[in-house]
Amino acid sequence: MTSFRISFCCTNTDPEPWLAGLRTAFPQAEVEVWQPGVPPADYAVVWAPPQPFFDEQPQLKGVFNIGAGVDALTKLRLPSNAVVVRLEDAGMAVQMAEYVCQGAIRHFRDLNAYADDVRAGQWTFYKPRQRRDFPVGILGLGVLGARVAQALQHFEFPVNGWSRSPKALDGVRGFSGAAQFHDFLASSRVLVNLLPLTPETANILNRETLGRLQPGGYVINVARGAHLVDEDLLALLNSGHLGGALLDVFRTEPLPAEHPFWQHPKITITPHTSARTLRSESIAQIAAKMGAMQRGEVLTGVVDVGRGY
């Protein structure tokens, strides 16, 4: 394979392990951290890069994002001929399935209430609930959404799935498009958001949509904070229509100390940790895709920049 150049530009990421992994995968390549004025590269490995990076690299053939979400990229002016490629799994899908399942199960089994009682020194019991009364709706049926749907079925929850276009997954009641969106919401008591963030999906979790969930609904947001209208969630929790929420992503991160989510008794928060990028798996996937591009092969995980995913 002929020599080529890889430029690494990842915000808040220690570059050395990534550089070592890429150099091992491509010993013939020149791999370096981007700095203003470095020579032009053939490929870029990025996470939340600044606009000047792309302004200096109009010749890029491929841009490889070290995560599944590409909303930080689609806000920028990208090289016109570059193919943008995202991670499709790289160890994130099983983490996401773990996280969502534990959240749904803790709510279904009243484990948060039991934890509160134990801290208060109370020995109490709650009436067991039926899984058939807790259908879980998954917004977004990509690689992560499909893995979450599969995992939830192991615990015998009814699973609904919504996607922009029709998708058939075993054991999942499918809904698609705007015409079936309201029916999807009305059929779900637990809502899991795994949508990509685009202009069409921003603020999609609002008073009107969340109000269509079955009474006592529970919201799990593991996609992006900008999907959720914070004030609307709080209003529905305080009115009693929603029974709780598990939030891993926020409009401002870290979550500001004065934000009401911190102290709300019906909200559980985690610091954007539902599915972390696993470096070795990610490097292996990026290297495989980059090698395929070098050989002129068809790639998976290619982003439609116009659609935002």
C-alpha atoms as a PDB file:
ATOM      1  CA  MET A   1       0.000   0.000   0.000  1.00  0.00           C
ATOM      2  CA  THR A   2       1.423   3.414  -0.946  1.00  0.00           C
ATOM      3  CA  SER A   3       2.406   6.023   1.621  1.00  0.00           C
ATOM      4  CA  PHE A   4      -0.119   8.621   2.764  1.00  0.00           C
ATOM      5  CA  ARG A   5      -0.609  11.190   5.531  1.00  0.00           C
ATOM      6  CA  ILE A   6      -3.045  11.099   8.483  1.00  0.00           C
ATOM      7  CA  SER A   7      -3.787  14.197  10.525  1.00  0.00           C
ATOM      8  CA  PHE A   8      -5.159  13.768  14.067  1.00  0.00           C
ATOM      9  CA  CYS A   9      -7.322  16.594  15.428  1.00  0.00           C
ATOM     10  CA  CYS A  10      -9.384  15.549  18.464  1.00  0.00           C
ATOM     11  CA  THR A  11     -10.400  18.039  21.143  1.00  0.00           C
ATOM     12  CA  ASN A  12      -9.818  17.014  24.773  1.00  0.00           C
ATOM     13  CA  THR A  13      -8.197  13.726  23.740  1.00  0.00           C
ATOM     14  CA  ASP A  14      -4.701  12.476  24.593  1.00  0.00           C
ATOM     15  CA  PRO A  15      -3.247  11.995  21.108  1.00  0.00           C
ATOM     16  CA  GLU A  16      -0.314   9.700  21.853  1.00  0.00           C
ATOM     17  CA  PRO A  17      -2.183   6.353  22.206  1.00  0.00           C
ATOM     18  CA  TRP A  18      -4.158   7.135  19.056  1.00  0.00           C
ATOM     19  CA  LEU A  19      -1.042   8.044  17.117  1.00  0.00           C
ATOM     20  CA  ALA A  20       0.670   4.844  18.254  1.00  0.00           C
ATOM     21  CA  GLY A  21      -2.294   2.709  17.221  1.00  0.00           C
ATOM     22  CA  LEU A  22      -2.613   4.344  13.809  1.00  0.00           C
ATOM     23  CA  ARG A  23       1.122   4.045  13.179  1.00  0.00           C
ATOM     24  CA  THR A  24       0.976   0.357  14.043  1.00  0.00           C
ATOM     25  CA  ALA A  25      -1.933  -0.153  11.649  1.00  0.00           C
ATOM     26  CA  PHE A  26      -0.265   1.873   8.876  1.00  0.00           C
ATOM     27  CA  PRO A  27       3.536   1.730   9.248  1.00  0.00           C
ATOM     28  CA  GLN A  28       3.903   3.265   5.793  1.00  0.00           C
ATOM     29  CA  ALA A  29       1.839   6.335   6.721  1.00  0.00           C
ATOM     30  CA  GLU A  30       2.924   9.649   8.226  1.00  0.00           C
ATOM     31  CA  VAL A  31       0.687  10.229  11.269  1.00  0.00           C
ATOM     32  CA  GLU A  32       0.811  13.491  13.197  1.00  0.00           C
ATOM     33  CA  VAL A  33      -1.202  15.815  15.396  1.00  0.00           C
ATOM     34  CA  TRP A  34      -2.592  18.749  13.456  1.00  0.00           C
ATOM     35  CA  GLN A  35      -1.127  22.155  14.088  1.00  0.00           C
ATOM     36  CA  PRO A  36      -1.573  25.229  11.923  1.00  0.00           C
ATOM     37  CA  GLY A  37       0.783  25.045   8.973  1.00  0.00           C
ATOM     38  CA  VAL A  38       1.437  21.285   8.885  1.00  0.00           C
ATOM     39  CA  PRO A  39       1.638  19.642   5.437  1.00  0.00           C
ATOM     40  CA  PRO A  40      -1.626  18.595   3.748  1.00  0.00           C
ATOM     41  CA  ALA A  41      -2.997  15.196   4.781  1.00  0.00           C
ATOM     42  CA  ASP A  42      -4.938  12.557   2.888  1.00  0.00           C
ATOM     43  CA  TYR A  43      -7.116  11.508   5.833  1.00  0.00           C
ATOM     44  CA  ALA A  44      -8.173  13.060   9.125  1.00  0.00           C
ATOM     45  CA  VAL A  45      -9.151  11.457  12.425  1.00  0.00           C
ATOM     46  CA  VAL A  46     -11.216  13.991  14.335  1.00  0.00           C
ATOM     47  CA  TRP A  47     -13.429  14.811  17.288  1.00  0.00           C
ATOM     48  CA  ALA A  48     -14.936  18.315  17.552  1.00  0.00           C
ATOM     49  CA  PRO A  49     -12.209  19.904  15.373  1.00  0.00           C
ATOM     50  CA  PRO A  50     -12.077  23.686  14.866  1.00  0.00           C
ATOM     51  CA  GLN A  51     -13.041  25.267  11.550  1.00  0.00           C
ATOM     52  CA  PRO A  52      -9.416  26.349  10.798  1.00  0.00           C
ATOM     53  CA  PHE A  53      -8.458  22.672  10.596  1.00  0.00           C
ATOM     54  CA  PHE A  54     -10.710  22.145   7.579  1.00  0.00           C
ATOM     55  CA  ASP A  55      -9.905  25.545   6.125  1.00  0.00           C
ATOM     56  CA  GLU A  56      -6.265  24.419   5.918  1.00  0.00           C
ATOM     57  CA  GLN A  57      -7.091  20.911   4.670  1.00  0.00           C
ATOM     58  CA  PRO A  58      -9.378  21.304   1.603  1.00  0.00           C
ATOM     59  CA  GLN A  59      -7.655  18.334  -0.096  1.00  0.00           C
ATOM     60  CA  LEU A  60      -8.804  15.724   2.472  1.00  0.00           C
ATOM     61  CA  LYS A  61     -10.184  12.519   0.978  1.00  0.00           C
ATOM     62  CA  GLY A  62     -11.696  11.096   4.182  1.00  0.00           C
ATOM     63  CA  VAL A  63     -12.686  12.416   7.603  1.00  0.00           C
ATOM     64  CA  PHE A  64     -13.024   9.739  10.287  1.00  0.00           C
ATOM     65  CA  ASN A  65     -15.002  10.758  13.382  1.00  0.00           C
ATOM     66  CA  ILE A  66     -14.066   8.937  16.615  1.00  0.00           C
ATOM     67  CA  GLY A  67     -17.699   8.764  17.738  1.00  0.00           C
ATOM     68  CA  ALA A  68     -21.123   7.891  16.402  1.00  0.00           C
ATOM     69  CA  GLY A  69     -22.546  11.423  16.633  1.00  0.00           C
ATOM     70  CA  VAL A  70     -21.405  13.855  13.955  1.00  0.00           C
ATOM     71  CA  ASP A  71     -23.414  16.966  14.889  1.00  0.00           C
ATOM     72  CA  ALA A  72     -20.197  18.836  15.812  1.00  0.00           C
ATOM     73  CA  LEU A  73     -18.915  18.183  12.272  1.00  0.00           C
ATOM     74  CA  THR A  74     -22.033  19.055  10.321  1.00  0.00           C
ATOM     75  CA  LYS A  75     -21.971  22.587  11.792  1.00  0.00           C
ATOM     76  CA  LEU A  76     -18.664  23.242  10.018  1.00  0.00           C
ATOM     77  CA  ARG A  77     -17.679  23.953   6.419  1.00  0.00           C
ATOM     78  CA  LEU A  78     -16.224  20.628   5.324  1.00  0.00           C
ATOM     79  CA  PRO A  79     -13.957  19.878   2.346  1.00  0.00           C
ATOM     80  CA  SER A  80     -16.217  19.423  -0.651  1.00  0.00           C
ATOM     81  CA  ASN A  81     -14.704  16.123  -1.801  1.00  0.00           C
ATOM     82  CA  ALA A  82     -14.083  14.497   1.592  1.00  0.00           C
ATOM     83  CA  VAL A  83     -16.064  11.422   2.643  1.00  0.00           C
ATOM     84  CA  VAL A  84     -17.157  11.707   6.279  1.00  0.00           C
ATOM     85  CA  VAL A  85     -17.192   8.384   8.158  1.00  0.00           C
ATOM     86  CA  ARG A  86     -18.487   7.715  11.674  1.00  0.00           C
ATOM     87  CA  LEU A  87     -17.946   4.853  14.092  1.00  0.00           C
ATOM     88  CA  GLU A  88     -20.754   2.320  13.880  1.00  0.00           C
ATOM     89  CA  ASP A  89     -20.123   0.447  17.119  1.00  0.00           C
ATOM     90  CA  ALA A  90     -16.534  -0.024  18.317  1.00  0.00           C
ATOM     91  CA  GLY A  91     -17.726  -1.309  21.667  1.00  0.00           C
ATOM     92  CA  MET A  92     -20.331   1.405  22.224  1.00  0.00           C
ATOM     93  CA  ALA A  93     -23.440  -0.620  21.398  1.00  0.00           C
ATOM     94  CA  VAL A  94     -23.127  -3.086  24.276  1.00  0.00           C
ATOM     95  CA  GLN A  95     -22.381  -0.228  26.682  1.00  0.00           C
ATOM     96  CA  MET A  96     -25.498   1.590  25.507  1.00  0.00           C
ATOM     97  CA  ALA A  97     -27.575  -1.566  25.904  1.00  0.00           C
ATOM     98  CA  GLU A  98     -26.275  -2.005  29.456  1.00  0.00           C
ATOM     99  CA  TYR A  99     -27.031   1.578  30.361  1.00  0.00           C
ATOM    100  CA  VAL A 100     -30.553   1.681  28.941  1.00  0.00           C
ATOM    101  CA  CYS A 101     -31.507  -1.693  30.385  1.00  0.00           C
ATOM    102  CA  GLN A 102     -30.352  -0.764  33.881  1.00  0.00           C
ATOM    103  CA  GLY A 103     -32.274   2.508  33.641  1.00  0.00           C
ATOM    104  CA  ALA A 104     -35.480   0.867  32.443  1.00  0.00           C
ATOM    105  CA  ILE A 105     -35.196  -1.921  35.018  1.00  0.00           C
ATOM    106  CA  ARG A 106     -34.479   0.461  37.923  1.00  0.00           C
ATOM    107  CA  HIS A 107     -37.617   2.397  37.049  1.00  0.00           C
ATOM    108  CA  PHE A 108     -39.765  -0.674  36.436  1.00  0.00           C
ATOM    109  CA  ARG A 109     -38.654  -2.381  39.663  1.00  0.00           C
ATOM    110  CA  ASP A 110     -38.918   0.807  41.798  1.00  0.00           C
ATOM    111  CA  LEU A 111     -35.245   0.391  42.714  1.00  0.00           C
ATOM    112  CA  ASN A 112     -34.706   4.138  42.994  1.00  0.00           C
ATOM    113  CA  ALA A 113     -37.567   4.333  45.502  1.00  0.00           C
ATOM    114  CA  TYR A 114     -36.117   1.401  47.440  1.00  0.00           C
ATOM    115  CA  ALA A 115     -32.732   3.156  47.532  1.00  0.00           C
ATOM    116  CA  ASP A 116     -34.368   6.303  48.920  1.00  0.00           C
ATOM    117  CA  ASP A 117     -36.176   4.247  51.576  1.00  0.00           C
ATOM    118  CA  VAL A 118     -32.971   2.484  52.618  1.00  0.00           C
ATOM    119  CA  ARG A 119     -31.160   5.807  53.009  1.00  0.00           C
ATOM    120  CA  ALA A 120     -34.061   6.933  55.228  1.00  0.00           C
ATOM    121  CA  GLY A 121     -33.849   3.739  57.296  1.00  0.00           C
ATOM    122  CA  GLN A 122     -37.201   2.429  56.043  1.00  0.00           C
ATOM    123  CA  TRP A 123     -37.996  -1.223  55.263  1.00  0.00           C
ATOM    124  CA  THR A 124     -40.737  -1.090  52.639  1.00  0.00           C
ATOM    125  CA  PHE A 125     -42.219  -3.069  49.774  1.00  0.00           C
ATOM    126  CA  TYR A 126     -43.816  -1.897  46.527  1.00  0.00           C
ATOM    127  CA  LYS A 127     -46.420  -3.776  44.554  1.00  0.00           C
ATOM    128  CA  PRO A 128     -44.838  -5.718  41.659  1.00  0.00           C
ATOM    129  CA  ARG A 129     -45.663  -4.325  38.225  1.00  0.00           C
ATOM    130  CA  GLN A 130     -46.280  -6.093  34.934  1.00  0.00           C
ATOM    131  CA  ARG A 131     -43.854  -5.776  32.041  1.00  0.00           C
ATOM    132  CA  ARG A 132     -46.726  -5.664  29.600  1.00  0.00           C
ATOM    133  CA  ASP A 133     -47.673  -2.331  31.175  1.00  0.00           C
ATOM    134  CA  PHE A 134     -44.226  -0.865  30.442  1.00  0.00           C
ATOM    135  CA  PRO A 135     -43.717  -0.857  26.664  1.00  0.00           C
ATOM    136  CA  VAL A 136     -40.367   0.703  25.797  1.00  0.00           C
ATOM    137  CA  GLY A 137     -40.181   2.966  22.764  1.00  0.00           C
ATOM    138  CA  ILE A 138     -36.805   3.508  21.077  1.00  0.00           C
ATOM    139  CA  LEU A 139     -36.362   6.666  19.019  1.00  0.00           C
ATOM    140  CA  GLY A 140     -33.760   5.789  16.398  1.00  0.00           C
ATOM    141  CA  LEU A 141     -33.039   2.290  15.142  1.00  0.00           C
ATOM    142  CA  GLY A 142     -29.454   2.539  13.966  1.00  0.00           C
ATOM    143  CA  VAL A 143     -26.674   0.263  15.209  1.00  0.00           C
ATOM    144  CA  LEU A 144     -27.050   1.447  18.804  1.00  0.00           C
ATOM    145  CA  GLY A 145     -30.849   1.487  18.792  1.00  0.00           C
ATOM    146  CA  ALA A 146     -31.056  -2.009  17.333  1.00  0.00           C
ATOM    147  CA  ARG A 147     -28.685  -3.352  20.003  1.00  0.00           C
ATOM    148  CA  VAL A 148     -30.719  -1.700  22.765  1.00  0.00           C
ATOM    149  CA  ALA A 149     -33.937  -3.169  21.360  1.00  0.00           C
ATOM    150  CA  GLN A 150     -32.395  -6.644  21.303  1.00  0.00           C
ATOM    151  CA  ALA A 151     -31.204  -6.333  24.908  1.00  0.00           C
ATOM    152  CA  LEU A 152     -34.554  -5.120  26.245  1.00  0.00           C
ATOM    153  CA  GLN A 153     -36.282  -8.136  24.750  1.00  0.00           C
ATOM    154  CA  HIS A 154     -34.182 -10.420  26.951  1.00  0.00           C
ATOM    155  CA  PHE A 155     -36.015  -8.901  29.921  1.00  0.00           C
ATOM    156  CA  GLU A 156     -39.369  -9.427  28.176  1.00  0.00           C
ATOM    157  CA  PHE A 157     -40.351  -5.786  27.826  1.00  0.00           C
ATOM    158  CA  PRO A 158     -42.599  -4.980  24.876  1.00  0.00           C
ATOM    159  CA  VAL A 159     -40.422  -2.944  22.505  1.00  0.00           C
ATOM    160  CA  ASN A 160     -41.534  -0.308  20.008  1.00  0.00           C
ATOM    161  CA  GLY A 161     -39.166   1.348  17.559  1.00  0.00           C
ATOM    162  CA  TRP A 162     -39.419   4.511  15.497  1.00  0.00           C
ATOM    163  CA  SER A 163     -37.194   5.501  12.603  1.00  0.00           C
ATOM    164  CA  ARG A 164     -37.349   7.979   9.763  1.00  0.00           C
ATOM    165  CA  SER A 165     -37.840   5.197   7.217  1.00  0.00           C
ATOM    166  CA  PRO A 166     -39.330   1.730   7.830  1.00  0.00           C
ATOM    167  CA  LYS A 167     -37.066  -0.830   9.518  1.00  0.00           C
ATOM    168  CA  ALA A 168     -37.949  -4.397  10.425  1.00  0.00           C
ATOM    169  CA  LEU A 169     -36.341  -5.779  13.595  1.00  0.00           C
ATOM    170  CA  ASP A 170     -37.308  -9.120  15.115  1.00  0.00           C
ATOM    171  CA  GLY A 171     -39.599  -8.686  18.096  1.00  0.00           C
ATOM    172  CA  VAL A 172     -39.905  -4.921  17.673  1.00  0.00           C
ATOM    173  CA  ARG A 173     -43.174  -3.207  16.782  1.00  0.00           C
ATOM    174  CA  GLY A 174     -42.066  -0.796  14.090  1.00  0.00           C
ATOM    175  CA  PHE A 175     -43.224   2.752  13.431  1.00  0.00           C
ATOM    176  CA  SER A 176     -41.777   5.138  10.870  1.00  0.00           C
ATOM    177  CA  GLY A 177     -42.095   8.619   9.509  1.00  0.00           C
ATOM    178  CA  ALA A 178     -44.057  11.616  10.692  1.00  0.00           C
ATOM    179  CA  ALA A 179     -47.370   9.871  10.041  1.00  0.00           C
ATOM    180  CA  GLN A 180     -46.709   7.211  12.695  1.00  0.00           C
ATOM    181  CA  PHE A 181     -44.776   9.303  15.220  1.00  0.00           C
ATOM    182  CA  HIS A 182     -47.719  10.136  17.480  1.00  0.00           C
ATOM    183  CA  ASP A 183     -48.917   6.528  17.468  1.00  0.00           C
ATOM    184  CA  PHE A 184     -45.422   5.447  18.478  1.00  0.00           C
ATOM    185  CA  LEU A 185     -45.404   7.834  21.431  1.00  0.00           C
ATOM    186  CA  ALA A 186     -48.896   6.821  22.567  1.00  0.00           C
ATOM    187  CA  SER A 187     -47.854   3.168  22.478  1.00  0.00           C
ATOM    188  CA  SER A 188     -44.843   3.728  24.761  1.00  0.00           C
ATOM    189  CA  ARG A 189     -44.452   4.251  28.502  1.00  0.00           C
ATOM    190  CA  VAL A 190     -40.660   4.340  28.583  1.00  0.00           C
ATOM    191  CA  LEU A 191     -39.017   6.469  25.887  1.00  0.00           C
ATOM    192  CA  VAL A 192     -35.358   6.001  24.907  1.00  0.00           C
ATOM    193  CA  ASN A 193     -33.870   8.684  22.688  1.00  0.00           C
ATOM    194  CA  LEU A 194     -31.075   7.532  20.363  1.00  0.00           C
ATOM    195  CA  LEU A 195     -31.672   9.898  17.468  1.00  0.00           C
ATOM    196  CA  PRO A 196     -28.886  11.797  15.728  1.00  0.00           C
ATOM    197  CA  LEU A 197     -29.009  15.532  16.374  1.00  0.00           C
ATOM    198  CA  THR A 198     -30.125  17.382  13.249  1.00  0.00           C
ATOM    199  CA  PRO A 199     -32.164  20.554  12.673  1.00  0.00           C
ATOM    200  CA  GLU A 200     -35.233  18.320  12.357  1.00  0.00           C
ATOM    201  CA  THR A 201     -34.668  16.480  15.655  1.00  0.00           C
ATOM    202  CA  ALA A 202     -33.513  19.386  17.846  1.00  0.00           C
ATOM    203  CA  ASN A 203     -36.050  19.970  20.675  1.00  0.00           C
ATOM    204  CA  ILE A 204     -37.985  16.859  19.689  1.00  0.00           C
ATOM    205  CA  LEU A 205     -38.448  15.897  23.351  1.00  0.00           C
ATOM    206  CA  ASN A 206     -40.837  18.656  24.330  1.00  0.00           C
ATOM    207  CA  ARG A 207     -44.110  19.199  26.171  1.00  0.00           C
ATOM    208  CA  GLU A 208     -46.221  18.152  23.187  1.00  0.00           C
ATOM    209  CA  THR A 209     -44.328  14.958  22.336  1.00  0.00           C
ATOM    210  CA  LEU A 210     -43.555  13.809  25.881  1.00  0.00           C
ATOM    211  CA  GLY A 211     -47.133  14.577  26.827  1.00  0.00           C
ATOM    212  CA  ARG A 212     -48.250  11.867  24.402  1.00  0.00           C
ATOM    213  CA  LEU A 213     -46.456   9.123  26.342  1.00  0.00           C
ATOM    214  CA  GLN A 214     -48.570   6.862  28.489  1.00  0.00           C
ATOM    215  CA  PRO A 215     -49.261   8.234  32.003  1.00  0.00           C
ATOM    216  CA  GLY A 216     -46.340   7.705  34.348  1.00  0.00           C
ATOM    217  CA  GLY A 217     -43.935   7.758  31.421  1.00  0.00           C
ATOM    218  CA  TYR A 218     -40.184   7.570  31.875  1.00  0.00           C
ATOM    219  CA  VAL A 219     -37.633   9.327  29.641  1.00  0.00           C
ATOM    220  CA  ILE A 220     -34.096   8.066  28.968  1.00  0.00           C
ATOM    221  CA  ASN A 221     -32.023  10.514  26.910  1.00  0.00           C
ATOM    222  CA  VAL A 222     -28.663   9.155  25.764  1.00  0.00           C
ATOM    223  CA  ALA A 223     -28.352  11.030  22.462  1.00  0.00           C
ATOM    224  CA  ARG A 224     -27.810  14.799  22.752  1.00  0.00           C
ATOM    225  CA  GLY A 225     -28.904  17.402  25.274  1.00  0.00           C
ATOM    226  CA  ALA A 226     -30.306  19.640  22.544  1.00  0.00           C
ATOM    227  CA  HIS A 227     -32.990  17.031  21.816  1.00  0.00           C
ATOM    228  CA  LEU A 228     -34.665  17.851  25.137  1.00  0.00           C
ATOM    229  CA  VAL A 229     -36.501  21.011  26.150  1.00  0.00           C
ATOM    230  CA  ASP A 230     -35.471  21.113  29.800  1.00  0.00           C
ATOM    231  CA  GLU A 231     -38.348  23.283  31.026  1.00  0.00           C
ATOM    232  CA  ASP A 232     -40.934  21.036  29.369  1.00  0.00           C
ATOM    233  CA  LEU A 233     -39.531  17.921  31.016  1.00  0.00           C
ATOM    234  CA  LEU A 234     -39.606  19.604  34.419  1.00  0.00           C
ATOM    235  CA  ALA A 235     -43.198  20.730  33.922  1.00  0.00           C
ATOM    236  CA  LEU A 236     -44.377  17.232  32.983  1.00  0.00           C
ATOM    237  CA  LEU A 237     -42.523  15.670  35.910  1.00  0.00           C
ATOM    238  CA  ASN A 238     -44.004  18.193  38.341  1.00  0.00           C
ATOM    239  CA  SER A 239     -47.519  17.675  36.959  1.00  0.00           C
ATOM    240  CA  GLY A 240     -47.222  13.906  37.483  1.00  0.00           C
ATOM    241  CA  HIS A 241     -47.698  12.953  33.837  1.00  0.00           C
ATOM    242  CA  LEU A 242     -44.112  11.692  33.729  1.00  0.00           C
ATOM    243  CA  GLY A 243     -42.824   9.419  36.463  1.00  0.00           C
ATOM    244  CA  GLY A 244     -39.136  10.124  36.034  1.00  0.00           C
ATOM    245  CA  ALA A 245     -36.156  10.595  33.746  1.00  0.00           C
ATOM    246  CA  LEU A 246     -32.622   9.263  33.311  1.00  0.00           C
ATOM    247  CA  LEU A 247     -30.437  11.840  31.563  1.00  0.00           C
ATOM    248  CA  ASP A 248     -26.882  11.295  30.349  1.00  0.00           C
ATOM    249  CA  VAL A 249     -26.560  14.274  27.987  1.00  0.00           C
ATOM    250  CA  PHE A 250     -27.212  17.978  28.464  1.00  0.00           C
ATOM    251  CA  ARG A 251     -27.308  21.243  26.550  1.00  0.00           C
ATOM    252  CA  THR A 252     -24.335  22.509  28.559  1.00  0.00           C
ATOM    253  CA  GLU A 253     -21.716  20.023  29.740  1.00  0.00           C
ATOM    254  CA  PRO A 254     -20.652  19.803  32.469  1.00  0.00           C
ATOM    255  CA  LEU A 255     -24.154  20.465  33.753  1.00  0.00           C
ATOM    256  CA  PRO A 256     -24.117  23.857  35.543  1.00  0.00           C
ATOM    257  CA  ALA A 257     -24.240  23.632  39.333  1.00  0.00           C
ATOM    258  CA  GLU A 258     -27.395  25.753  39.483  1.00  0.00           C
ATOM    259  CA  HIS A 259     -29.376  23.618  37.024  1.00  0.00           C
ATOM    260  CA  PRO A 260     -32.588  22.187  38.546  1.00  0.00           C
ATOM    261  CA  PHE A 261     -31.873  18.712  37.190  1.00  0.00           C
ATOM    262  CA  TRP A 262     -29.283  18.189  39.948  1.00  0.00           C
ATOM    263  CA  GLN A 263     -31.798  18.292  42.782  1.00  0.00           C
ATOM    264  CA  HIS A 264     -35.021  17.066  41.173  1.00  0.00           C
ATOM    265  CA  PRO A 265     -36.225  13.922  42.994  1.00  0.00           C
ATOM    266  CA  LYS A 266     -37.508  12.281  39.802  1.00  0.00           C
ATOM    267  CA  ILE A 267     -34.369  12.816  37.722  1.00  0.00           C
ATOM    268  CA  THR A 268     -31.243  10.668  37.673  1.00  0.00           C
ATOM    269  CA  ILE A 269     -28.241  12.176  35.894  1.00  0.00           C
ATOM    270  CA  THR A 270     -24.933  10.720  34.729  1.00  0.00           C
ATOM    271  CA  PRO A 271     -21.987  12.658  33.199  1.00  0.00           C
ATOM    272  CA  HIS A 272     -22.282  11.672  29.501  1.00  0.00           C
ATOM    273  CA  THR A 273     -20.969   8.205  30.181  1.00  0.00           C
ATOM    274  CA  SER A 274     -23.623   5.873  28.750  1.00  0.00           C
ATOM    275  CA  ALA A 275     -21.328   4.678  25.942  1.00  0.00           C
ATOM    276  CA  ARG A 276     -17.688   5.755  25.971  1.00  0.00           C
ATOM    277  CA  THR A 277     -15.391   5.523  22.986  1.00  0.00           C
ATOM    278  CA  LEU A 278     -13.117   2.495  23.442  1.00  0.00           C
ATOM    279  CA  ARG A 279      -9.779   3.432  21.932  1.00  0.00           C
ATOM    280  CA  SER A 280      -8.454   0.067  20.731  1.00  0.00           C
ATOM    281  CA  GLU A 281     -11.771  -0.956  19.147  1.00  0.00           C
ATOM    282  CA  SER A 282     -12.149   2.481  17.567  1.00  0.00           C
ATOM    283  CA  ILE A 283      -8.640   2.476  16.104  1.00  0.00           C
ATOM    284  CA  ALA A 284      -9.238  -0.988  14.647  1.00  0.00           C
ATOM    285  CA  GLN A 285     -12.498   0.134  13.017  1.00  0.00           C
ATOM    286  CA  ILE A 286     -11.024   3.378  11.683  1.00  0.00           C
ATOM    287  CA  ALA A 287      -7.994   1.530  10.325  1.00  0.00           C
ATOM    288  CA  ALA A 288     -10.211  -1.017   8.559  1.00  0.00           C
ATOM    289  CA  LYS A 289     -12.319   1.707   6.978  1.00  0.00           C
ATOM    290  CA  MET A 290      -9.300   3.788   6.003  1.00  0.00           C
ATOM    291  CA  GLY A 291      -7.682   0.740   4.428  1.00  0.00           C
ATOM    292  CA  ALA A 292     -10.851   0.011   2.502  1.00  0.00           C
ATOM    293  CA  MET A 293     -10.911   3.576   1.216  1.00  0.00           C
ATOM    294  CA  GLN A 294      -7.274   3.269   0.129  1.00  0.00           C
ATOM    295  CA  ARG A 295      -8.190   0.160  -1.840  1.00  0.00           C
ATOM    296  CA  GLY A 296     -11.245   1.797  -3.411  1.00  0.00           C
ATOM    297  CA  GLU A 297     -13.715  -0.492  -1.630  1.00  0.00           C
ATOM    298  CA  VAL A 298     -17.241   0.367  -0.507  1.00  0.00           C
ATOM    299  CA  LEU A 299     -17.418   1.786   3.027  1.00  0.00           C
ATOM    300  CA  THR A 300     -20.070   1.493   5.699  1.00  0.00           C
ATOM    301  CA  GLY A 301     -20.759   4.261   8.190  1.00  0.00           C
ATOM    302  CA  VAL A 302     -20.552   6.998   5.556  1.00  0.00           C
ATOM    303  CA  VAL A 303     -22.362  10.142   6.721  1.00  0.00           C
ATOM    304  CA  ASP A 304     -24.894  11.976   4.582  1.00  0.00           C
ATOM    305  CA  VAL A 305     -23.787  15.462   5.616  1.00  0.00           C
ATOM    306  CA  GLY A 306     -27.003  16.998   4.277  1.00  0.00           C
ATOM    307  CA  ARG A 307     -29.116  14.823   6.556  1.00  0.00           C
ATOM    308  CA  GLY A 308     -26.704  15.046   9.469  1.00  0.00           C
ATOM    309  CA  TYR A 309     -26.121  11.311  10.029  1.00  0.00           C
END
